[in-house]
Amino acid sequence: MGIGDIISGISDFFLRGSHDSGDSYLSSYLASSIATSKKQRSKRKKNSSATSSKKQYTPPVKKEQPLQPLWQKPENYDPKAWQLIVNCLKQVKLNRAESAVEKLQKQYSYKTHRELARILIVKKSFAIANVALDSRDPGAFADKSAKEIIEGMETVQIPRIVSFSAEMIYQIALIYGLPFRYLNWKVEVISVFYAALLGDVAAQHGIDWLKFGTSPEKTISSEIKALMIYAIGETACLFYEEIYSHDFNSFKKANAFSKISRQAQNYLRPFNSGAKIKKMVSKEIEKAFPIEYHKLCDLLEAKSWKEADRETFDIFLKLMSRKKLKLCEAVLLTNVKISPTVWISKVDYEDLEILNNIWIKNSDGQFGFAIQSQIYMQTQSLECFYQGVGWKINSELKSYDQLTFDIDSPKGHLPGFWLYPDFPIEPDNTIADWLTVFLKYVSSLSVKVMEIDDAEPTIVNSSEQSPDVNSDD
């Protein structure tokens, strides 16, 4: 049975039973629904016999597949599992959910619906697993965070996952523009659960509690629990993107639900091992919390040169700390000696290009990595470079506070964070060692003034591309 066959009965239950509660109502409703269905089938059969004798030709008309009541096919789900979802829906704290969405939208006002939803899903996975989220740079050390989330899932029970996920689906609906406490939100939450978890691929991966129920003897691995959260979140995004894009009536178009269900199962397909699930969680964390450049853009547009230089320094350290070798952690925590060549080579060139373009754009070509590299490469002499960019005074290298944070300073004077006292340089290295490597490394950066939009990182829509679980990087 497709997901489209599931919805009508759920809708009737919530719309008719909104003022009743308890198993007695549910049982009586199920019985009356089945009895009514039998009468309707009998009536249709009589009408069909009466009209068949006339032998009137009716041309075939393609129509949407009608939605059949869920209650007529109880073999497709476990009633207790379904009732668990219904009970968890009653526990959703709507005020808290709505406030969290408003806060998220205010904090990330520049992000798309999908990007906001991704942040929400990742935060929910942290919360369900009782893992603290790094407030300074949540995307740092994503592998470590993914491991902690999966370990935290070990003691998490299905009702907790269902409760948090139900709230998450409602919040994703709000992110995509649906009004607070709109009529059909409970029905849609159940629809998302079925599309995500009541499919062949889900069952193959061990997510079958919705179909066969749960029992104390049956254990679900911590990796599968984590996968369930991300699958439900992904399905909710697909569901509300379909509504947002096509404005379809979610209870009349069975084909739309079948499409969403197929997409949800395709999302699950690659994650058939614990290692792949862990890698998926890590990548989702990195995508939810990428390096942000908007604050730097705002500072440079405001001509706050010193604050922009410090922000560039923070971004540069984040870029280094996010690589697989975790070089910042190695240097700052374990005192492992890392050469400047190894360290700098781990910074993605694309990110350096973004930083460079933002500086060049907002300084009219006065400042930027490419400008500094061009000055150095003319002589490949650091002494000449220091003199050229104005970093020396009386033959001595200036301190960071002695730099001139002004547009009238010498060309290439900024960024100057290399002179910042907290820059993590080993005693065996000098600023000269670092600059020599870096200025050569960025020598192919363009000095052309580019539009800021060209310098913005591209966020891949996860509905178009699943995380690359087969890559080692």
Protein backbone atom coordinates (compact mmCIF):
# COMPACT_ATOMS: atom_id res chain seq x y z
CA MET A 1 0.00 0.00 0.00
CA GLY A 2 1.35 3.42 -0.94
CA ILE A 3 1.47 6.36 1.43
CA GLY A 4 -1.49 7.84 -0.40
CA ASP A 5 -3.70 4.98 0.84
CA ILE A 6 -2.97 5.90 4.43
CA ILE A 7 -4.09 9.50 4.78
CA SER A 8 -7.87 9.71 4.52
CA GLY A 9 -8.67 7.64 7.59
CA ILE A 10 -6.16 9.56 9.69
CA SER A 11 -7.68 12.83 8.57
CA ASP A 12 -11.21 11.69 9.45
CA PHE A 13 -10.06 10.51 12.86
CA PHE A 14 -8.51 13.82 13.84
CA LEU A 15 -11.17 16.03 12.28
CA ARG A 16 -14.12 14.10 13.71
CA GLY A 17 -12.51 13.06 16.97
CA SER A 18 -10.88 16.33 17.92
CA HIS A 19 -13.16 16.63 20.96
CA ASP A 20 -12.93 13.00 22.13
CA SER A 21 -10.10 10.90 23.45
CA GLY A 22 -9.24 7.40 24.60
CA ASP A 23 -9.20 3.93 23.16
CA SER A 24 -13.00 3.61 23.41
CA TYR A 25 -13.51 6.33 20.83
CA LEU A 26 -10.79 4.91 18.60
CA SER A 27 -12.30 1.39 18.74
CA SER A 28 -15.81 2.58 18.02
CA TYR A 29 -14.56 4.78 15.20
CA LEU A 30 -12.66 1.93 13.61
CA ALA A 31 -15.69 -0.36 13.80
CA SER A 32 -18.09 2.21 12.37
CA SER A 33 -15.62 3.15 9.63
CA ILE A 34 -15.31 -0.48 8.51
CA ALA A 35 -19.11 -1.01 8.67
CA THR A 36 -19.70 2.15 6.63
CA SER A 37 -17.14 1.01 4.11
CA LYS A 38 -18.91 -2.36 3.68
CA LYS A 39 -22.25 -0.60 3.10
CA GLN A 40 -20.66 1.70 0.53
CA ARG A 41 -19.13 -1.24 -1.34
CA SER A 42 -22.48 -3.08 -1.32
CA LYS A 43 -24.26 0.01 -2.62
CA ARG A 44 -21.70 0.50 -5.39
CA LYS A 45 -22.10 -3.14 -6.40
CA LYS A 46 -25.91 -2.77 -6.74
CA ASN A 47 -25.55 0.43 -8.73
CA SER A 48 -23.04 -1.25 -10.99
CA SER A 49 -25.44 -4.17 -11.67
CA ALA A 50 -28.31 -1.81 -12.44
CA THR A 51 -26.37 0.31 -14.89
CA SER A 52 -24.51 -2.52 -16.59
CA SER A 53 -27.68 -3.67 -18.42
CA LYS A 54 -27.91 -0.33 -20.23
CA LYS A 55 -24.49 -0.99 -21.81
CA GLN A 56 -23.71 2.68 -22.12
CA TYR A 57 -20.18 3.45 -23.25
CA THR A 58 -18.24 5.71 -20.92
CA PRO A 59 -14.88 6.93 -22.21
CA PRO A 60 -11.97 6.27 -19.81
CA VAL A 61 -10.86 9.30 -17.79
CA LYS A 62 -7.52 9.48 -16.02
CA LYS A 63 -8.03 10.48 -12.42
CA GLU A 64 -5.95 10.70 -9.30
CA GLN A 65 -5.94 7.45 -7.38
CA PRO A 66 -8.58 7.82 -4.60
CA LEU A 67 -7.37 7.69 -1.02
CA GLN A 68 -8.62 4.61 0.79
CA PRO A 69 -9.21 4.67 4.54
CA LEU A 70 -6.31 3.37 6.57
CA TRP A 71 -8.63 1.35 8.80
CA GLN A 72 -9.61 -1.02 5.97
CA LYS A 73 -6.05 -2.38 5.79
CA PRO A 74 -4.81 -2.83 9.36
CA GLU A 75 -2.25 -5.40 8.21
CA ASN A 76 -0.03 -2.56 6.96
CA TYR A 77 0.74 -1.09 10.38
CA ASP A 78 0.82 -2.00 14.04
CA PRO A 79 -2.10 -0.33 15.89
CA LYS A 80 -0.08 0.11 19.07
CA ALA A 81 2.75 1.79 17.17
CA TRP A 82 0.22 4.07 15.50
CA GLN A 83 -1.35 4.87 18.89
CA LEU A 84 2.12 5.71 20.23
CA ILE A 85 2.48 8.42 17.58
CA VAL A 86 -1.02 9.76 18.37
CA ASN A 87 -0.20 9.90 22.10
CA CYS A 88 3.10 11.67 21.44
CA LEU A 89 1.29 14.26 19.31
CA LYS A 90 -0.77 15.20 22.36
CA GLN A 91 2.45 15.88 24.28
CA VAL A 92 3.92 18.35 21.78
CA LYS A 93 4.39 21.71 23.52
CA LEU A 94 3.26 24.03 20.76
CA ASN A 95 4.34 27.27 22.47
CA ARG A 96 7.87 25.97 22.93
CA ALA A 97 8.04 24.64 19.38
CA GLU A 98 6.81 27.90 17.87
CA SER A 99 9.17 30.04 19.97
CA ALA A 100 12.14 27.91 18.91
CA VAL A 101 11.25 28.37 15.22
CA GLU A 102 10.90 32.15 15.62
CA LYS A 103 14.29 32.30 17.32
CA LEU A 104 15.89 30.17 14.61
CA GLN A 105 14.41 32.31 11.82
CA LYS A 106 15.62 35.48 13.51
CA GLN A 107 19.13 34.11 14.07
CA TYR A 108 19.49 32.80 10.51
CA SER A 109 17.27 35.21 8.59
CA TYR A 110 19.46 34.91 5.49
CA LYS A 111 19.06 31.13 5.14
CA THR A 112 16.64 29.18 2.95
CA HIS A 113 13.84 26.96 4.25
CA ARG A 114 15.92 23.84 3.63
CA GLU A 115 18.98 25.27 5.39
CA LEU A 116 16.92 26.27 8.43
CA ALA A 117 15.31 22.82 8.52
CA ARG A 118 18.73 21.16 8.34
CA ILE A 119 19.90 23.15 11.37
CA LEU A 120 16.74 22.15 13.23
CA ILE A 121 17.15 18.45 12.41
CA VAL A 122 20.77 18.41 13.57
CA LYS A 123 19.90 20.24 16.79
CA LYS A 124 17.11 17.74 17.44
CA SER A 125 19.53 14.83 17.04
CA PHE A 126 21.83 16.43 19.63
CA ALA A 127 18.90 17.00 22.00
CA ILE A 128 17.46 13.50 21.67
CA ALA A 129 20.87 11.96 22.38
CA ASN A 130 21.49 14.36 25.29
CA VAL A 131 24.68 15.68 23.69
CA ALA A 132 25.78 19.29 24.21
CA LEU A 133 26.07 21.45 21.10
CA ASP A 134 29.22 23.58 20.80
CA SER A 135 27.83 27.12 20.82
CA ARG A 136 30.95 28.72 19.34
CA ASP A 137 31.38 26.50 16.29
CA PRO A 138 28.85 23.64 16.18
CA GLY A 139 30.30 22.34 12.93
CA ALA A 140 33.80 21.86 14.35
CA PHE A 141 34.92 18.26 14.89
CA ALA A 142 31.77 16.88 13.27
CA ASP A 143 33.14 13.32 13.38
CA LYS A 144 33.47 13.52 17.15
CA SER A 145 29.97 14.98 17.51
CA ALA A 146 28.48 12.25 15.29
CA LYS A 147 30.14 9.59 17.44
CA GLU A 148 28.76 11.18 20.61
CA ILE A 149 25.24 11.37 19.14
CA ILE A 150 25.25 7.69 18.17
CA GLU A 151 26.66 6.66 21.55
CA GLY A 152 24.01 8.78 23.25
CA MET A 153 21.27 6.96 21.33
CA GLU A 154 22.17 3.71 23.06
CA THR A 155 19.81 4.35 26.00
CA VAL A 156 17.19 6.37 24.09
CA GLN A 157 13.79 4.69 23.77
CA ILE A 158 11.43 4.88 20.77
CA PRO A 159 8.82 7.11 22.53
CA ARG A 160 11.45 9.82 23.08
CA ILE A 161 12.43 9.73 19.41
CA VAL A 162 8.77 9.86 18.35
CA SER A 163 7.97 12.80 20.66
CA PHE A 164 10.92 14.92 19.55
CA SER A 165 10.39 13.97 15.90
CA ALA A 166 6.70 14.91 16.02
CA GLU A 167 7.65 18.34 17.35
CA MET A 168 10.36 18.60 14.68
CA ILE A 169 7.92 17.87 11.84
CA TYR A 170 5.55 20.57 13.11
CA GLN A 171 8.45 23.02 13.33
CA ILE A 172 9.57 22.21 9.78
CA ALA A 173 6.02 22.97 8.63
CA LEU A 174 6.29 26.39 10.28
CA ILE A 175 9.69 26.98 8.67
CA TYR A 176 8.12 26.37 5.27
CA GLY A 177 5.50 29.02 5.96
CA LEU A 178 2.48 27.21 7.37
CA PRO A 179 0.64 29.17 10.09
CA PHE A 180 0.81 28.35 13.78
CA ARG A 181 -1.53 25.51 14.82
CA TYR A 182 -3.04 25.05 11.39
CA LEU A 183 -5.84 22.48 11.16
CA ASN A 184 -4.09 19.50 9.58
CA TRP A 185 -0.71 19.51 11.32
CA LYS A 186 -1.31 16.30 13.33
CA VAL A 187 -2.44 14.39 10.27
CA GLU A 188 0.59 15.57 8.32
CA VAL A 189 2.95 14.55 11.12
CA ILE A 190 1.62 10.99 10.94
CA SER A 191 1.84 11.09 7.15
CA VAL A 192 5.54 11.96 7.37
CA PHE A 193 6.16 9.11 9.82
CA TYR A 194 4.56 6.63 7.43
CA ALA A 195 6.37 7.92 4.35
CA ALA A 196 9.73 7.78 6.15
CA LEU A 197 9.45 4.56 8.13
CA LEU A 198 6.76 2.36 6.55
CA GLY A 199 8.64 1.26 3.44
CA ASP A 200 10.63 -1.66 2.11
CA VAL A 201 14.02 0.07 2.42
CA ALA A 202 13.27 1.13 5.99
CA ALA A 203 12.35 -2.47 6.85
CA GLN A 204 15.54 -3.78 5.22
CA HIS A 205 17.56 -1.42 7.42
CA GLY A 206 15.82 -2.67 10.56
CA ILE A 207 13.27 0.14 10.93
CA ASP A 208 10.16 -2.00 11.18
CA TRP A 209 8.62 -1.11 14.54
CA LEU A 210 5.86 0.90 12.85
CA LYS A 211 4.75 -2.18 10.93
CA PHE A 212 5.35 -4.93 13.45
CA GLY A 213 5.43 -3.03 16.74
CA THR A 214 8.04 -2.96 19.48
CA SER A 215 8.78 -5.37 22.30
CA PRO A 216 11.24 -5.45 25.22
CA GLU A 217 13.03 -8.37 23.56
CA LYS A 218 13.64 -6.47 20.33
CA THR A 219 16.57 -4.06 20.26
CA ILE A 220 17.18 -1.28 17.78
CA SER A 221 20.80 -0.23 17.28
CA SER A 222 21.89 3.28 18.22
CA GLU A 223 22.89 3.92 14.59
CA ILE A 224 19.39 3.03 13.36
CA LYS A 225 17.85 5.34 15.96
CA ALA A 226 19.97 8.20 14.65
CA LEU A 227 19.08 7.30 11.07
CA MET A 228 15.37 7.43 11.93
CA ILE A 229 15.64 11.04 13.09
CA TYR A 230 17.41 12.21 9.94
CA ALA A 231 15.07 10.19 7.70
CA ILE A 232 12.00 11.73 9.34
CA GLY A 233 13.50 15.21 9.01
CA GLU A 234 14.39 14.66 5.35
CA THR A 235 10.90 13.34 4.61
CA ALA A 236 9.30 16.35 6.31
CA CYS A 237 11.36 18.64 4.08
CA LEU A 238 10.27 16.73 0.98
CA PHE A 239 6.66 16.83 2.14
CA TYR A 240 6.52 20.58 2.78
CA GLU A 241 8.61 21.45 -0.25
CA GLU A 242 5.95 19.67 -2.32
CA ILE A 243 3.20 21.67 -0.62
CA TYR A 244 5.20 24.91 -0.83
CA SER A 245 6.11 24.44 -4.49
CA HIS A 246 2.85 23.08 -5.87
CA ASP A 247 0.28 24.15 -3.25
CA PHE A 248 -1.42 20.76 -3.51
CA ASN A 249 -4.20 19.54 -1.23
CA SER A 250 -2.33 17.08 0.95
CA PHE A 251 -5.35 14.79 1.40
CA LYS A 252 -6.51 14.39 -2.19
CA LYS A 253 -3.43 13.64 -4.28
CA ALA A 254 -2.26 10.10 -3.63
CA ASN A 255 0.35 10.34 -6.38
CA ALA A 256 2.15 13.14 -4.55
CA PHE A 257 2.39 11.00 -1.42
CA SER A 258 3.66 8.04 -3.40
CA LYS A 259 6.38 10.25 -4.86
CA ILE A 260 7.39 11.53 -1.43
CA SER A 261 7.43 8.00 -0.04
CA ARG A 262 9.73 6.81 -2.85
CA GLN A 263 12.08 9.74 -2.27
CA ALA A 264 12.14 9.03 1.45
CA GLN A 265 13.06 5.40 0.88
CA ASN A 266 15.74 6.43 -1.64
CA TYR A 267 17.23 8.68 1.02
CA LEU A 268 17.55 5.70 3.36
CA ARG A 269 18.99 3.34 0.77
CA PRO A 270 22.75 4.17 1.03
CA PHE A 271 22.88 3.93 4.83
CA ASN A 272 23.02 0.17 5.26
CA SER A 273 25.80 0.01 7.85
CA GLY A 274 26.70 1.69 11.12
CA ALA A 275 29.82 3.28 9.63
CA LYS A 276 27.84 4.86 6.79
CA ILE A 277 25.21 6.19 9.17
CA LYS A 278 27.89 7.74 11.38
CA LYS A 279 29.48 9.37 8.35
CA MET A 280 26.09 10.69 7.21
CA VAL A 281 25.48 12.29 10.61
CA SER A 282 28.93 13.90 10.51
CA LYS A 283 28.30 15.37 7.06
CA GLU A 284 24.85 16.62 8.06
CA ILE A 285 26.41 18.45 11.02
CA GLU A 286 29.00 20.08 8.74
CA LYS A 287 26.33 21.11 6.23
CA ALA A 288 24.03 22.48 8.93
CA PHE A 289 26.78 24.66 10.38
CA PRO A 290 29.07 25.75 7.54
CA ILE A 291 31.63 28.50 7.89
CA GLU A 292 29.63 31.75 7.97
CA TYR A 293 30.81 34.80 6.03
CA HIS A 294 27.87 37.12 6.55
CA LYS A 295 29.28 38.77 9.67
CA LEU A 296 32.56 39.47 7.87
CA CYS A 297 30.66 41.03 4.95
CA ASP A 298 28.71 43.26 7.33
CA LEU A 299 31.87 44.41 9.13
CA LEU A 300 33.69 45.22 5.90
CA GLU A 301 30.70 47.04 4.46
CA ALA A 302 30.66 49.13 7.65
CA LYS A 303 34.42 49.77 7.20
CA SER A 304 35.10 48.25 10.63
CA TRP A 305 38.53 47.13 9.50
CA LYS A 306 39.96 45.88 12.80
CA GLU A 307 36.85 43.90 13.72
CA ALA A 308 36.79 42.46 10.18
CA ASP A 309 40.43 41.43 10.53
CA ARG A 310 39.68 39.64 13.80
CA GLU A 311 36.66 37.92 12.20
CA THR A 312 38.89 36.79 9.33
CA PHE A 313 41.32 35.35 11.87
CA ASP A 314 38.49 33.42 13.58
CA ILE A 315 37.28 32.06 10.24
CA PHE A 316 40.81 31.07 9.27
CA LEU A 317 41.23 29.07 12.49
CA LYS A 318 37.85 27.37 11.97
CA LEU A 319 38.85 26.41 8.45
CA MET A 320 41.96 24.72 9.77
CA SER A 321 40.25 23.07 12.72
CA ARG A 322 37.58 21.40 10.57
CA LYS A 323 39.95 19.26 8.53
CA LYS A 324 40.28 15.55 9.05
CA LEU A 325 43.63 15.78 10.88
CA LYS A 326 42.17 18.30 13.37
CA LEU A 327 45.36 20.30 13.28
CA CYS A 328 44.24 23.07 15.61
CA GLU A 329 43.26 20.51 18.23
CA ALA A 330 46.62 18.78 17.82
CA VAL A 331 48.58 21.98 18.32
CA LEU A 332 46.49 23.63 21.02
CA LEU A 333 45.67 20.53 23.09
CA THR A 334 48.41 17.98 22.59
CA ASN A 335 51.35 20.19 21.53
CA VAL A 336 52.01 18.08 18.44
CA LYS A 337 54.35 19.95 16.11
CA ILE A 338 52.82 20.64 12.72
CA SER A 339 54.80 22.35 9.99
CA PRO A 340 53.29 25.45 8.34
CA THR A 341 53.23 23.67 4.98
CA VAL A 342 51.08 20.81 6.31
CA TRP A 343 48.82 23.13 8.28
CA ILE A 344 48.09 25.63 5.52
CA SER A 345 47.69 22.96 2.86
CA LYS A 346 44.73 21.59 4.85
CA VAL A 347 42.74 24.79 4.37
CA ASP A 348 40.31 24.49 1.45
CA TYR A 349 41.42 26.75 -1.37
CA GLU A 350 37.81 27.58 -2.18
CA ASP A 351 37.31 29.07 1.28
CA LEU A 352 40.45 31.18 0.97
CA GLU A 353 39.11 32.41 -2.36
CA ILE A 354 35.86 33.44 -0.68
CA LEU A 355 37.70 35.39 2.01
CA ASN A 356 39.92 37.02 -0.58
CA ASN A 357 37.00 38.08 -2.77
CA ILE A 358 35.10 39.58 0.15
CA TRP A 359 38.11 41.70 1.16
CA ILE A 360 38.86 42.84 -2.41
CA LYS A 361 35.22 43.72 -3.06
CA ASN A 362 34.79 45.82 0.06
CA SER A 363 38.15 47.60 -0.15
CA ASP A 364 38.00 48.35 -3.90
CA GLY A 365 41.06 46.20 -4.48
CA GLN A 366 43.12 47.71 -1.65
CA PHE A 367 43.21 44.69 0.66
CA GLY A 368 43.09 40.90 0.31
CA PHE A 369 45.23 37.75 0.18
CA ALA A 370 45.72 38.04 -3.59
CA ILE A 371 47.00 41.61 -3.24
CA GLN A 372 49.48 40.52 -0.56
CA SER A 373 50.62 37.51 -2.58
CA GLN A 374 51.13 39.65 -5.68
CA ILE A 375 53.38 42.03 -3.73
CA TYR A 376 55.41 39.14 -2.30
CA MET A 377 55.78 37.24 -5.58
CA GLN A 378 57.32 40.25 -7.31
CA THR A 379 60.54 39.79 -5.29
CA GLN A 380 59.84 36.64 -3.18
CA SER A 381 61.51 38.53 -0.37
CA LEU A 382 59.70 38.83 2.94
CA GLU A 383 61.75 41.87 3.83
CA CYS A 384 60.50 43.66 0.73
CA PHE A 385 57.00 42.41 1.46
CA TYR A 386 57.02 43.82 5.02
CA GLN A 387 58.18 47.18 3.72
CA GLY A 388 55.71 47.14 0.84
CA VAL A 389 52.60 46.49 2.95
CA GLY A 390 53.71 48.74 5.82
CA TRP A 391 54.23 46.08 8.46
CA LYS A 392 57.61 47.42 9.63
CA ILE A 393 58.53 50.45 11.69
CA ASN A 394 62.15 51.43 12.33
CA SER A 395 63.28 48.10 10.87
CA GLU A 396 61.16 46.22 13.41
CA LEU A 397 58.07 44.17 12.63
CA LYS A 398 55.01 45.93 14.01
CA SER A 399 52.80 44.44 16.68
CA TYR A 400 49.19 43.73 15.78
CA ASP A 401 47.90 46.87 17.55
CA GLN A 402 50.38 49.01 15.61
CA LEU A 403 48.78 48.16 12.28
CA THR A 404 46.77 50.87 10.55
CA PHE A 405 43.16 49.75 10.31
CA ASP A 406 42.14 52.27 7.72
CA ILE A 407 41.44 52.32 3.99
CA ASP A 408 44.29 54.82 3.55
CA SER A 409 46.90 52.36 4.82
CA PRO A 410 49.37 50.89 2.26
CA LYS A 411 48.05 48.47 -0.33
CA GLY A 412 47.98 44.91 1.01
CA HIS A 413 48.23 46.12 4.62
CA LEU A 414 45.23 43.95 5.59
CA PRO A 415 44.36 41.25 6.56
CA GLY A 416 47.09 41.45 9.18
CA PHE A 417 46.00 38.73 11.60
CA TRP A 418 49.37 37.02 11.10
CA LEU A 419 50.76 39.50 13.63
CA TYR A 420 48.06 38.74 16.19
CA PRO A 421 49.69 37.54 19.45
CA ASP A 422 47.34 34.54 19.84
CA PHE A 423 48.18 33.07 16.43
CA PRO A 424 49.05 29.38 17.13
CA ILE A 425 52.67 29.27 15.97
CA GLU A 426 55.11 26.67 17.26
CA PRO A 427 58.33 27.97 18.90
CA ASP A 428 60.30 26.25 16.17
CA ASN A 429 58.51 28.35 13.53
CA THR A 430 58.38 32.07 12.89
CA ILE A 431 55.94 34.37 11.20
CA ALA A 432 58.33 34.32 8.25
CA ASP A 433 57.92 30.55 7.89
CA TRP A 434 54.14 30.86 7.86
CA LEU A 435 53.94 33.79 5.50
CA THR A 436 56.36 32.29 3.01
CA VAL A 437 54.23 29.16 2.71
CA PHE A 438 50.91 30.99 2.70
CA LEU A 439 51.76 33.73 0.19
CA LYS A 440 53.01 31.13 -2.27
CA TYR A 441 49.98 28.91 -1.62
CA VAL A 442 47.52 31.68 -2.53
CA SER A 443 49.52 33.03 -5.48
CA SER A 444 46.87 31.93 -7.99
CA LEU A 445 44.05 33.84 -6.27
CA SER A 446 42.50 36.53 -8.42
CA VAL A 447 43.00 40.24 -7.72
CA LYS A 448 39.83 40.94 -9.70
CA VAL A 449 37.01 42.60 -7.81
CA MET A 450 34.12 40.11 -7.75
CA GLU A 451 30.50 40.37 -6.67
CA ILE A 452 29.83 39.14 -3.16
CA ASP A 453 27.21 36.71 -4.47
CA ASP A 454 29.96 35.02 -6.47
CA ALA A 455 31.89 34.54 -3.28
CA GLU A 456 29.10 32.88 -1.31
CA PRO A 457 29.47 29.15 -0.66
CA THR A 458 26.97 26.88 -2.37
CA ILE A 459 24.78 24.73 -0.14
CA VAL A 460 23.79 21.41 -1.73
CA ASN A 461 20.10 20.60 -1.39
CA SER A 462 19.98 17.19 0.27
CA SER A 463 16.82 16.36 -1.63
CA GLU A 464 18.87 16.51 -4.80
CA GLN A 465 22.00 14.79 -3.54
CA SER A 466 22.47 12.33 -0.70
CA PRO A 467 25.59 12.59 1.45
CA ASP A 468 28.58 10.85 -0.10
CA VAL A 469 28.97 7.97 2.31
CA ASN A 470 31.54 6.20 0.19
CA SER A 471 34.12 8.98 0.26
CA ASP A 472 36.92 8.86 2.81
CA ASP A 473 37.39 12.62 2.98
